[in-house]
Structure formats: structure tokens, C-alpha cells
Amino acid sequence: MGIVTPGIIPASELLGPGAAPAPAWLARWTGFAADLTPADLPAAVVERTKLVLLDSLGVIAAGLQEPECRALAERLAARRPGPAPAPGSGLRLDPRDAALVNGCAGTALELDEGNQYARGHPAIHVVPAALAAAQDRGTGGPALLAAIALGYEIGARIGIASRLAVAMHPHGTWGTVGAALAVARLNGADAAGIGRAAGIAATLGLATSRRTMLEGATIRNAYAGFSNQLGLTAWDLAESGFLPERDGIATVYGSVIAEGFSAAAMIEDLGTRWEIARNYFKRHAACRYTHAALDALARIRAEAGPIDPGTVRAVEVATYVWAAQLDHPAPATMLAAKFSLPYTLAAALMRGEADVAAFRPEARADPRILALARRVSVREDPAMTARLPAFRPARVTLSLADGRRLSAEVETNRGDTEDPYAPEEVRAKFRALAGPVWGSARADRIAAAVAEIDRAADLGPLLALIA
């Protein structure tokens, strides 16, 4: 094999005979991912990863109650039954189909967690693939947590190290690499195997469109599902002898679908700064860009007391550029409503909160909500845009029939690293989503199993509960 330079994977291992050495950043990353043991994870990372897993199971189970997600699960289960659960559906699927279905369901309600620095949602691109890969391997809980944390880490860091084209939606892009790395890790891959799987996965991401979310085209919810499925496929391709480009991640995320890939960002504080430990959780069932305005509205109501929605003559919103684009007053679908600031604020004013029910057909047909949404105006404040990505500000002003103007401004979203939800608030969210699906007793048993998963030698009991 010849002399191996420290930190460099021999080209013959990663790419085949005659190839140039793997880039130093990738060699360091794959070595780190292969060598890390579950015991190496800091306690705070273990606890956050357990919360992320619990949160993901809740949003998947609730999302699988949506008609299109349920129909997809039933079609695939009838065609190709298998051992992997689609949580909350009572169905078991082929692992690849389960990864697709669970990724779709996990994004359907706009309640999956995310990472503001990566500008995306790493967990829902990794957890379904990791659960599918762990299904028949006798994997223990510590190994699952390590795989999820590592898959989350590389996906999030690609998001940090690059900037996607403006027209791209982040779902279905770098999450594929995260899924592939988690799967490779669960299959016991060495550094070279992890590198091959990650490199192959980099070229398998989707050509996603941001317009899907603005128009309410629910194919957008399938993007994360395909990332999970393709992560499993990337591992099989790597193990079958397919070879990746030498530095395909840097190529794809530096010049093909994104710009300015920073190899330094991929390894900065690697092993000491964990992206999963600075994630955010969501309680509003809407696009995160609406959350600052919703939090400002909640502050107005907390300070002013009950407000009769019928007395609201106008609602003015000033916010950053990405949120200001969500200005459609009459969204046609549930997904489009979740990406409409006028609708979301009107529904929250009328119903008290922007929960799952606020976007159901009954609420979207409510003439009072629709009339109020037409009185909401949204504009960009360049000074607020300049504060991205560390802050996500919004200012909301209500003009009332009695002449009062009530206003509040927030800098960050509840749930962000700067203003996090307490762990018990995340667990309460899980119970609210999972209780109607499994019943409160089973939901509590699932939560207890996840809380103890870092000490579980076998995932069988948890998988049986969610099935």
C-alpha cells in the first residue's frame, strides 16, 4: 500500500488504484467518523440527540396521519412488505421504502427540528435512514445515537460550508450525505468506506425548488424522504465497488448547486463543537420564517391581554428578506398556508395559536381568518436582513378599532439556541403529537424508551413500540 501520510486516506483505498490522494479535510472527517465511539460523545450531545430522536419520532407519526403520506405507506407496504416500521401507521415496509415514507411524513407538518447555521433541517434527513439501517443489525442504542449525531454533523457542516443557489430548497440536498454517513457508520465501515459512501451520496442529491414551498406543492415534502432512501443506496453502491469523485462534496457544494465551499468550515472545532447541540426545535406548525412574527404577536397578547380579532383593522409586519417573501394572503393548500405570514398570523389571532389544526381545511375555509389575512401587510426591513443568520428579527404592529396601535419586536425565534425550549417543552410537544396517534400510555412508553436509549443494548423494544 505504500507510506500513508497522517491524515490522508490512500487513494487506492478511497478511489481505486492510480487516483490522487483524498483531500485532507475529507480524510480528517472520515477518520474522525470511523474512530469515534459512543463513549466519546459529550453528555450534552447525547442528551440533545435523544431529544432530536424523540422529536423526530413524534413529527413522523403525526405526519403519517396526513392523507398522502398514509396512502404512500399503504401502497408501498402492499407492494413490498418488510420489517421496518412506519411509526404510527401500523405498517411495516422494506427499509428503503420506510426511509422514504418516514422522511416524507417528518416534513409534512412543518414541525421538524432544524439548524439555523446550516440553514436547513438535518435530523429528518438522517433519523429515518438510521432507523432503517439499524432495523436488522442488532444495533444498540449508543451506536444509533452516535450514527445520528455524526450524520447530522456532516450534513449541517456542508450547509455551513456552502451557500445553496437561491432557487434551491435545502431539503433533499446535503442531507443525503448525512444519511449515507449514518448508514455507513451503522454498518461498521472504516474511514475509507465512510468516505466512499459520503462521496457517492454528494452526487445523488435532488434538484430541489424553493417555489414548491411557496406554491404549496407537497412534492416538497418528499425531498427529505429521498435523501434518506438515497443515503441507504449510496452505501450499497460503495460496498458494491462504485467509486466517488475525489472531492465530490466540494465540487457539488462549491460550484454545481452552491457557491464557495469552505473546507476549513468542515473541520473547524470538529469533535468539540457539535451542530446537533445548537439546533432548534419548533412548536409553531409553520415555516420557521414565520416564527419571529408569531412570537412577537404572542408578546403583544401577553402584554395587552385578550384581543378581539374582530377589532383588528390592520396588521403590519417588518422582517428579514426570506420571511418577507411569505406574503401570499390566500394560500390554496395546507403547505402553502404554512408559508404564508398573512394566513399564519390571522389564524393565530383567531384561534390562539398556529398549531396543526390551524392549517387544516376547516381553518383554511374560515371566512374570518381569510378576511383578517387580507388585512396583514408584510415588508422587508433591510436592517433586519443584515442581522442574518445569527438573528431572525420581526416587528408586528396591530392597529385596533379603538385607535390603539400595539407593537412588539423580537430578535430570535423561541426554540433557537439563543432562546431554547426546555427539554420538558420538547417532550410536551412529543406527547401532543404522539398521544392522538398511539394513545397517551404508549406515547409515554416510547418517550421513556428514548430517554434510556443510551443504555439500551438492543433497539428491538423501541422499534416494536413505534411499529
Protein backbone atom coordinates (compact mmCIF):
# COMPACT_ATOMS: atom_id res chain seq x y z
CA MET A 1 0.00 0.00 0.00
CA GLY A 2 3.00 2.29 0.49
CA ILE A 3 3.62 5.05 3.01
CA VAL A 4 0.49 6.61 4.46
CA THR A 5 0.75 10.30 5.26
CA PRO A 6 -1.01 11.06 8.57
CA GLY A 7 -4.49 12.45 7.91
CA ILE A 8 -4.56 11.27 4.30
CA ILE A 9 -6.54 8.23 3.14
CA PRO A 10 -4.56 6.40 0.47
CA ALA A 11 -6.17 6.94 -2.91
CA SER A 12 -6.15 3.20 -3.56
CA GLU A 13 -8.49 2.72 -0.59
CA LEU A 14 -10.89 5.54 -1.31
CA LEU A 15 -10.92 5.87 -5.07
CA GLY A 16 -9.05 2.94 -6.55
CA PRO A 17 -5.55 2.47 -7.97
CA GLY A 18 -3.88 5.45 -9.61
CA ALA A 19 -6.08 8.15 -8.09
CA ALA A 20 -4.79 11.25 -6.34
CA PRO A 21 -4.94 11.27 -2.51
CA ALA A 22 -8.21 12.21 -0.88
CA PRO A 23 -8.37 15.86 0.23
CA ALA A 24 -7.05 16.49 3.73
CA TRP A 25 -10.36 17.76 5.10
CA LEU A 26 -12.20 14.62 3.97
CA ALA A 27 -9.50 12.33 5.32
CA ARG A 28 -9.73 14.02 8.70
CA TRP A 29 -13.53 13.86 8.68
CA THR A 30 -13.78 10.21 7.75
CA GLY A 31 -11.11 9.25 10.26
CA PHE A 32 -12.99 11.14 12.93
CA ALA A 33 -16.28 9.47 12.00
CA ALA A 34 -14.76 5.99 11.94
CA ASP A 35 -12.81 6.31 15.18
CA LEU A 36 -15.44 7.99 17.34
CA THR A 37 -17.00 5.70 19.92
CA PRO A 38 -20.38 6.35 21.57
CA ALA A 39 -18.49 7.00 24.80
CA ASP A 40 -16.68 9.89 23.07
CA LEU A 41 -19.92 11.87 22.68
CA PRO A 42 -20.19 14.64 25.27
CA ALA A 43 -23.06 14.20 27.70
CA ALA A 44 -24.80 17.29 26.33
CA VAL A 45 -24.65 15.85 22.79
CA VAL A 46 -26.09 12.54 23.95
CA GLU A 47 -28.99 14.28 25.68
CA ARG A 48 -29.69 16.55 22.70
CA THR A 49 -29.52 13.63 20.27
CA LYS A 50 -32.07 11.74 22.35
CA LEU A 51 -34.36 14.79 22.25
CA VAL A 52 -33.87 15.07 18.48
CA LEU A 53 -34.75 11.39 18.05
CA LEU A 54 -37.86 11.75 20.22
CA ASP A 55 -38.95 14.91 18.41
CA SER A 56 -38.43 13.23 15.03
CA LEU A 57 -40.50 10.20 16.02
CA GLY A 58 -43.34 12.49 17.08
CA VAL A 59 -43.42 14.52 13.88
CA ILE A 60 -43.12 11.37 11.73
CA ALA A 61 -46.00 9.64 13.49
CA ALA A 62 -48.22 12.71 13.29
CA GLY A 63 -47.22 13.35 9.68
CA LEU A 64 -48.17 9.80 8.73
CA GLN A 65 -51.77 10.69 9.51
CA GLU A 66 -51.79 13.05 6.52
CA PRO A 67 -53.72 11.50 3.61
CA GLU A 68 -50.94 11.50 1.03
CA CYS A 69 -48.35 10.12 3.49
CA ARG A 70 -50.67 7.39 4.65
CA ALA A 71 -51.60 6.50 1.07
CA LEU A 72 -47.92 6.25 0.09
CA ALA A 73 -47.17 4.00 3.06
CA GLU A 74 -50.10 1.73 2.21
CA ARG A 75 -49.12 1.49 -1.47
CA LEU A 76 -45.53 0.57 -0.68
CA ALA A 77 -46.46 -1.85 2.11
CA ALA A 78 -48.82 -3.70 -0.25
CA ARG A 79 -46.21 -3.89 -2.98
CA ARG A 80 -43.11 -4.68 -0.90
CA PRO A 81 -43.74 -5.54 2.76
CA GLY A 82 -40.74 -5.68 5.06
CA PRO A 83 -39.56 -5.38 8.67
CA ALA A 84 -39.11 -1.60 9.05
CA PRO A 85 -41.86 0.37 10.82
CA ALA A 86 -43.62 3.43 9.52
CA PRO A 87 -44.27 4.86 13.01
CA GLY A 88 -47.89 5.35 13.91
CA SER A 89 -49.29 3.68 10.78
CA GLY A 90 -49.28 0.05 11.91
CA LEU A 91 -47.43 -0.77 8.69
CA ARG A 92 -44.03 -2.36 8.11
CA LEU A 93 -42.08 -1.74 4.92
CA ASP A 94 -38.91 -2.57 3.10
CA PRO A 95 -36.22 -0.46 4.84
CA ARG A 96 -35.71 1.76 1.76
CA ASP A 97 -39.42 2.40 1.49
CA ALA A 98 -39.63 3.09 5.22
CA ALA A 99 -36.82 5.64 4.90
CA LEU A 100 -38.71 7.39 2.09
CA VAL A 101 -42.10 7.35 3.81
CA ASN A 102 -40.78 8.44 7.20
CA GLY A 103 -38.78 11.29 5.68
CA CYS A 104 -41.87 12.50 3.82
CA ALA A 105 -44.05 12.27 6.92
CA GLY A 106 -41.49 14.04 9.08
CA THR A 107 -41.67 17.19 6.99
CA ALA A 108 -45.41 17.19 6.26
CA LEU A 109 -46.44 19.25 9.28
CA GLU A 110 -43.52 21.73 9.27
CA LEU A 111 -42.64 20.73 12.82
CA ASP A 112 -39.28 19.01 12.29
CA GLU A 113 -36.26 20.47 14.05
CA GLY A 114 -33.57 22.43 12.27
CA ASN A 115 -30.23 24.20 12.43
CA GLN A 116 -30.08 27.92 11.76
CA TYR A 117 -26.37 27.88 10.94
CA ALA A 118 -26.81 25.16 8.33
CA ARG A 119 -29.97 26.86 7.03
CA GLY A 120 -31.85 23.59 6.91
CA HIS A 121 -33.26 20.58 8.74
CA PRO A 122 -30.53 17.96 9.28
CA ALA A 123 -32.30 15.45 11.55
CA ILE A 124 -35.20 14.49 9.30
CA HIS A 125 -32.66 13.64 6.59
CA VAL A 126 -30.79 11.26 8.92
CA VAL A 127 -33.11 9.70 11.51
CA PRO A 128 -35.30 7.66 9.09
CA ALA A 129 -32.25 6.25 7.29
CA ALA A 130 -30.53 5.43 10.58
CA LEU A 131 -33.60 3.64 11.91
CA ALA A 132 -33.92 1.67 8.67
CA ALA A 133 -30.25 0.67 8.70
CA ALA A 134 -30.43 -0.33 12.35
CA GLN A 135 -33.51 -2.49 11.82
CA ASP A 136 -31.86 -5.87 11.30
CA ARG A 137 -28.35 -5.32 12.57
CA GLY A 138 -28.87 -5.86 16.29
CA THR A 139 -27.76 -2.28 16.75
CA GLY A 140 -27.68 -0.93 20.28
CA GLY A 141 -28.89 2.47 21.40
CA PRO A 142 -25.43 4.04 21.85
CA ALA A 143 -24.45 3.11 18.28
CA LEU A 144 -27.68 4.60 16.93
CA LEU A 145 -27.13 7.87 18.78
CA ALA A 146 -23.54 8.12 17.52
CA ALA A 147 -24.65 7.49 13.92
CA ILE A 148 -27.39 10.13 14.14
CA ALA A 149 -25.05 12.70 15.70
CA LEU A 150 -22.37 12.09 13.04
CA GLY A 151 -24.81 12.13 10.13
CA TYR A 152 -26.35 15.32 11.47
CA GLU A 153 -22.89 16.83 11.88
CA ILE A 154 -21.62 16.32 8.34
CA GLY A 155 -24.89 17.39 6.74
CA ALA A 156 -25.12 20.54 8.84
CA ARG A 157 -21.48 21.40 8.22
CA ILE A 158 -21.94 21.16 4.45
CA GLY A 159 -24.79 23.62 4.84
CA ILE A 160 -22.49 25.90 6.82
CA ALA A 161 -19.54 25.49 4.48
CA SER A 162 -21.51 26.38 1.35
CA ARG A 163 -24.40 28.50 0.27
CA LEU A 164 -27.04 26.87 -1.89
CA ALA A 165 -28.25 28.58 -5.04
CA VAL A 166 -31.07 30.95 -4.13
CA ALA A 167 -33.61 28.94 -6.14
CA MET A 168 -32.76 25.70 -4.30
CA HIS A 169 -34.71 24.30 -1.39
CA PRO A 170 -32.32 22.86 1.26
CA HIS A 171 -34.37 19.67 1.69
CA GLY A 172 -33.03 16.80 -0.37
CA THR A 173 -29.55 18.28 -0.86
CA TRP A 174 -26.73 17.90 1.69
CA GLY A 175 -28.96 15.72 3.88
CA THR A 176 -28.21 12.83 1.53
CA VAL A 177 -24.58 12.90 2.67
CA GLY A 178 -25.68 12.91 6.30
CA ALA A 179 -27.90 9.88 5.74
CA ALA A 180 -25.15 7.99 3.91
CA LEU A 181 -22.60 8.64 6.63
CA ALA A 182 -25.00 7.47 9.35
CA VAL A 183 -25.77 4.29 7.38
CA ALA A 184 -22.08 3.59 6.71
CA ARG A 185 -21.29 4.07 10.37
CA LEU A 186 -24.07 1.67 11.45
CA ASN A 187 -22.68 -0.90 9.00
CA GLY A 188 -19.27 -0.76 10.66
CA ALA A 189 -17.48 0.99 7.81
CA ASP A 190 -13.88 2.08 8.18
CA ALA A 191 -12.71 5.57 7.22
CA ALA A 192 -12.31 4.68 3.54
CA GLY A 193 -15.77 3.11 3.38
CA ILE A 194 -17.33 6.14 5.02
CA GLY A 195 -15.52 8.37 2.53
CA ARG A 196 -16.76 6.37 -0.45
CA ALA A 197 -20.36 6.41 0.76
CA ALA A 198 -20.28 10.15 1.54
CA GLY A 199 -18.64 10.99 -1.77
CA ILE A 200 -21.16 8.97 -3.75
CA ALA A 201 -24.05 10.50 -1.80
CA ALA A 202 -22.86 14.01 -2.65
CA THR A 203 -23.69 13.39 -6.31
CA LEU A 204 -27.14 11.91 -5.58
CA GLY A 205 -28.89 14.97 -4.13
CA LEU A 206 -32.04 16.32 -5.76
CA ALA A 207 -32.51 19.40 -7.92
CA THR A 208 -34.95 20.96 -5.46
CA SER A 209 -37.04 24.10 -5.94
CA ARG A 210 -37.92 26.72 -3.34
CA ARG A 211 -41.06 27.56 -5.28
CA THR A 212 -42.63 24.30 -4.18
CA MET A 213 -43.00 25.63 -0.64
CA LEU A 214 -44.36 28.99 -1.76
CA GLU A 215 -46.94 27.38 -4.05
CA GLY A 216 -47.83 24.65 -1.58
CA ALA A 217 -46.67 21.84 -3.88
CA THR A 218 -46.40 18.93 -1.48
CA ILE A 219 -43.77 17.13 -3.56
CA ARG A 220 -41.51 19.32 -1.45
CA ASN A 221 -42.29 17.02 1.49
CA ALA A 222 -40.77 14.10 -0.42
CA TYR A 223 -37.33 15.72 -0.69
CA ALA A 224 -36.18 14.60 2.76
CA GLY A 225 -37.63 11.15 2.14
CA PHE A 226 -35.50 10.70 -0.94
CA SER A 227 -32.40 11.87 0.92
CA ASN A 228 -32.88 9.08 3.43
CA GLN A 229 -33.55 6.50 0.72
CA LEU A 230 -30.57 7.65 -1.34
CA GLY A 231 -28.34 7.53 1.73
CA LEU A 232 -29.07 3.82 2.02
CA THR A 233 -28.46 3.40 -1.71
CA ALA A 234 -25.13 5.24 -1.54
CA TRP A 235 -23.87 2.72 0.99
CA ASP A 236 -24.87 -0.20 -1.21
CA LEU A 237 -23.18 1.39 -4.20
CA ALA A 238 -19.99 1.98 -2.21
CA GLU A 239 -19.94 -1.59 -0.92
CA SER A 240 -20.55 -2.91 -4.42
CA GLY A 241 -17.41 -1.23 -5.72
CA PHE A 242 -18.71 2.03 -7.19
CA LEU A 243 -16.23 4.87 -6.73
CA PRO A 244 -16.85 8.55 -5.96
CA GLU A 245 -15.24 11.67 -7.32
CA ARG A 246 -12.10 12.56 -5.38
CA ASP A 247 -13.75 15.54 -3.66
CA GLY A 248 -17.33 15.37 -4.89
CA ILE A 249 -18.71 17.17 -1.85
CA ALA A 250 -16.56 20.22 -2.57
CA THR A 251 -17.45 20.11 -6.27
CA VAL A 252 -21.21 19.80 -5.82
CA TYR A 253 -21.41 22.27 -2.95
CA GLY A 254 -18.80 24.62 -4.29
CA SER A 255 -19.80 25.00 -7.92
CA VAL A 256 -22.74 22.84 -9.03
CA ILE A 257 -25.66 23.76 -6.76
CA ALA A 258 -23.91 26.08 -4.31
CA GLU A 259 -21.04 28.52 -4.11
CA GLY A 260 -17.85 29.00 -2.15
CA PHE A 261 -17.35 25.67 -0.37
CA SER A 262 -15.10 26.11 2.68
CA ALA A 263 -13.09 23.02 3.55
CA ALA A 264 -11.94 24.79 6.72
CA ALA A 265 -15.53 25.07 7.94
CA MET A 266 -15.94 21.30 7.63
CA ILE A 267 -13.27 20.62 10.26
CA GLU A 268 -13.34 23.75 12.43
CA ASP A 269 -13.67 22.62 16.07
CA LEU A 270 -14.52 19.13 14.83
CA GLY A 271 -15.33 16.97 17.83
CA THR A 272 -15.71 19.90 20.22
CA ARG A 273 -18.49 21.91 18.57
CA TRP A 274 -21.43 19.68 17.74
CA GLU A 275 -24.12 21.08 15.46
CA ILE A 276 -26.84 18.90 16.94
CA ALA A 277 -26.18 20.59 20.29
CA ARG A 278 -27.02 24.01 18.84
CA ASN A 279 -30.11 23.03 16.87
CA TYR A 280 -33.60 24.47 17.24
CA PHE A 281 -36.96 22.84 17.93
CA LYS A 282 -40.29 24.08 16.61
CA ARG A 283 -43.65 24.46 18.36
CA HIS A 284 -45.45 26.54 15.70
CA ALA A 285 -46.62 24.24 12.87
CA ALA A 286 -45.40 26.62 10.19
CA CYS A 287 -42.29 27.64 8.29
CA ARG A 288 -39.63 28.88 10.67
CA TYR A 289 -39.54 32.20 8.81
CA THR A 290 -42.96 32.94 10.33
CA HIS A 291 -41.90 32.19 13.88
CA ALA A 292 -40.42 35.55 14.82
CA ALA A 293 -43.65 37.31 13.83
CA LEU A 294 -45.70 34.72 15.72
CA ASP A 295 -43.52 35.19 18.79
CA ALA A 296 -43.92 38.99 18.51
CA LEU A 297 -47.69 38.54 18.30
CA ALA A 298 -47.60 36.35 21.41
CA ARG A 299 -45.67 39.10 23.22
CA ILE A 300 -48.32 41.68 22.25
CA ARG A 301 -51.06 39.45 23.60
CA ALA A 302 -49.16 38.74 26.80
CA GLU A 303 -48.68 42.46 27.43
CA ALA A 304 -52.07 43.77 26.24
CA GLY A 305 -54.30 40.92 27.35
CA PRO A 306 -57.04 39.30 25.22
CA ILE A 307 -57.56 40.91 21.82
CA ASP A 308 -60.83 40.53 19.94
CA PRO A 309 -59.74 39.61 16.37
CA GLY A 310 -62.78 41.44 15.03
CA THR A 311 -61.33 44.72 16.31
CA VAL A 312 -58.06 44.32 14.39
CA ARG A 313 -58.13 46.71 11.46
CA ALA A 314 -54.59 46.07 10.19
CA VAL A 315 -51.50 44.02 10.95
CA GLU A 316 -48.11 45.31 9.80
CA VAL A 317 -45.07 43.03 9.74
CA ALA A 318 -41.48 44.16 9.23
CA THR A 319 -38.96 41.34 8.99
CA TYR A 320 -35.92 39.95 7.16
CA VAL A 321 -35.87 39.19 3.45
CA TRP A 322 -36.66 35.46 3.49
CA ALA A 323 -39.62 35.92 5.79
CA ALA A 324 -40.85 38.95 3.83
CA GLN A 325 -41.27 36.73 0.77
CA LEU A 326 -44.01 34.78 2.57
CA ASP A 327 -46.66 37.38 1.83
CA HIS A 328 -49.41 35.48 -0.04
CA PRO A 329 -52.72 36.32 1.68
CA ALA A 330 -54.82 33.46 0.24
CA PRO A 331 -52.82 30.18 0.24
CA ALA A 332 -54.53 27.31 -1.58
CA THR A 333 -53.11 24.30 0.33
CA MET A 334 -52.05 23.37 3.83
CA LEU A 335 -48.37 23.60 2.91
CA ALA A 336 -48.83 26.98 1.23
CA ALA A 337 -50.64 28.24 4.36
CA LYS A 338 -47.64 27.26 6.47
CA PHE A 339 -45.51 29.50 4.24
CA SER A 340 -47.89 32.49 4.40
CA LEU A 341 -47.29 35.13 7.06
CA PRO A 342 -50.71 36.76 6.50
CA TYR A 343 -52.55 33.48 6.94
CA THR A 344 -50.39 32.23 9.82
CA LEU A 345 -50.78 35.44 11.84
CA ALA A 346 -54.52 35.65 11.10
CA ALA A 347 -55.02 32.04 12.19
CA ALA A 348 -53.03 32.60 15.37
CA LEU A 349 -55.03 35.73 16.17
CA MET A 350 -58.32 33.97 15.56
CA ARG A 351 -57.54 30.60 17.13
CA GLY A 352 -54.95 31.46 19.77
CA GLU A 353 -52.02 29.55 18.25
CA ALA A 354 -50.54 28.31 14.98
CA ASP A 355 -50.88 24.63 15.82
CA VAL A 356 -51.52 21.71 13.48
CA ALA A 357 -55.28 22.30 13.47
CA ALA A 358 -54.80 25.92 12.37
CA PHE A 359 -53.82 24.68 8.90
CA ARG A 360 -56.49 22.04 8.42
CA PRO A 361 -59.15 22.56 5.71
CA GLU A 362 -61.73 23.74 8.24
CA ALA A 363 -59.50 26.56 9.44
CA ARG A 364 -58.37 27.48 5.93
CA ALA A 365 -62.02 27.84 4.92
CA ASP A 366 -62.90 30.06 7.89
CA PRO A 367 -64.07 33.39 6.35
CA ARG A 368 -62.97 35.29 9.46
CA ILE A 369 -59.38 34.06 9.13
CA LEU A 370 -59.33 34.76 5.40
CA ALA A 371 -60.69 38.28 5.87
CA LEU A 372 -58.14 39.02 8.58
CA ALA A 373 -55.30 37.64 6.44
CA ARG A 374 -56.16 40.22 3.77
CA ARG A 375 -55.50 42.95 6.36
CA VAL A 376 -51.94 41.76 7.01
CA SER A 377 -49.12 43.57 5.18
CA VAL A 378 -45.54 42.30 5.09
CA ARG A 379 -42.38 44.19 4.15
CA GLU A 380 -38.65 43.64 4.34
CA ASP A 381 -36.61 45.74 6.76
CA PRO A 382 -33.05 45.79 5.33
CA ALA A 383 -31.61 46.39 8.80
CA MET A 384 -33.21 43.14 9.93
CA THR A 385 -31.92 41.28 6.88
CA ALA A 386 -28.43 42.48 7.75
CA ARG A 387 -28.64 40.64 11.07
CA LEU A 388 -28.93 37.21 9.45
CA PRO A 389 -28.07 34.42 10.15
CA ALA A 390 -27.39 34.92 13.86
CA PHE A 391 -30.73 36.70 14.37
CA ARG A 392 -34.19 36.30 12.79
CA PRO A 393 -35.98 39.52 13.76
CA ALA A 394 -39.55 40.65 13.21
CA ARG A 395 -41.72 43.54 14.35
CA VAL A 396 -45.51 43.19 14.43
CA THR A 397 -47.91 46.12 14.84
CA LEU A 398 -51.66 45.76 15.35
CA SER A 399 -53.99 48.68 14.56
CA LEU A 400 -57.24 48.32 16.53
CA ALA A 401 -60.69 49.79 16.02
CA ASP A 402 -60.36 51.92 19.17
CA GLY A 403 -57.32 53.70 17.72
CA ARG A 404 -54.66 51.83 19.68
CA ARG A 405 -51.50 50.58 18.00
CA LEU A 406 -49.87 47.63 19.74
CA SER A 407 -46.37 46.66 18.70
CA ALA A 408 -43.66 44.18 19.68
CA GLU A 409 -40.32 43.17 18.22
CA VAL A 410 -38.25 40.02 18.71
CA GLU A 411 -34.70 39.19 17.64
CA THR A 412 -34.78 35.42 17.72
CA ASN A 413 -37.29 32.60 17.48
CA ARG A 414 -38.35 30.65 20.54
CA GLY A 415 -36.55 27.35 20.33
CA ASP A 416 -33.35 28.77 18.84
CA THR A 417 -30.00 28.31 20.55
CA GLU A 418 -30.31 31.83 21.95
CA ASP A 419 -33.79 31.18 23.40
CA PRO A 420 -34.16 27.41 23.62
CA TYR A 421 -37.14 25.37 24.68
CA ALA A 422 -36.54 23.42 27.86
CA PRO A 423 -36.29 19.65 27.36
CA GLU A 424 -39.66 19.19 29.05
CA GLU A 425 -41.24 21.55 26.48
CA VAL A 426 -39.88 19.34 23.68
CA ARG A 427 -41.24 16.28 25.44
CA ALA A 428 -44.61 18.01 25.83
CA LYS A 429 -44.61 18.63 22.08
CA PHE A 430 -43.95 14.92 21.51
CA ARG A 431 -46.84 13.94 23.76
CA ALA A 432 -49.16 16.38 21.99
CA LEU A 433 -48.28 14.88 18.60
CA ALA A 434 -47.91 11.24 19.60
CA GLY A 435 -50.81 10.94 22.04
CA PRO A 436 -53.56 11.10 19.38
CA VAL A 437 -51.66 8.55 17.27
CA TRP A 438 -50.58 5.93 19.82
CA GLY A 439 -52.57 6.84 22.89
CA SER A 440 -51.04 8.58 25.87
CA ALA A 441 -49.86 5.37 27.60
CA ARG A 442 -47.87 4.10 24.59
CA ALA A 443 -46.55 7.60 23.86
CA ASP A 444 -45.21 7.75 27.41
CA ARG A 445 -43.57 4.33 26.98
CA ILE A 446 -41.91 5.49 23.76
CA ALA A 447 -40.63 8.63 25.47
CA ALA A 448 -39.27 6.53 28.33
CA ALA A 449 -37.55 4.14 25.90
CA VAL A 450 -35.86 7.02 24.08
CA ALA A 451 -34.79 8.57 27.39
CA GLU A 452 -32.97 5.32 28.24
CA ILE A 453 -31.70 4.50 24.76
CA ASP A 454 -28.12 5.44 25.53
CA ARG A 455 -28.11 2.39 27.82
CA ALA A 456 -30.10 0.05 25.56
CA ALA A 457 -28.22 -2.96 24.18
CA ASP A 458 -30.99 -3.65 21.66
CA LEU A 459 -33.30 -1.37 19.70
CA GLY A 460 -35.94 -4.07 19.39
CA PRO A 461 -38.18 -2.79 22.23
CA LEU A 462 -38.25 0.78 20.83
CA LEU A 463 -38.86 -0.42 17.27
CA ALA A 464 -41.71 -2.62 18.49
CA LEU A 465 -43.29 0.32 20.32
CA ILE A 466 -43.20 2.66 17.32
CA ALA A 467 -44.48 -0.06 14.98
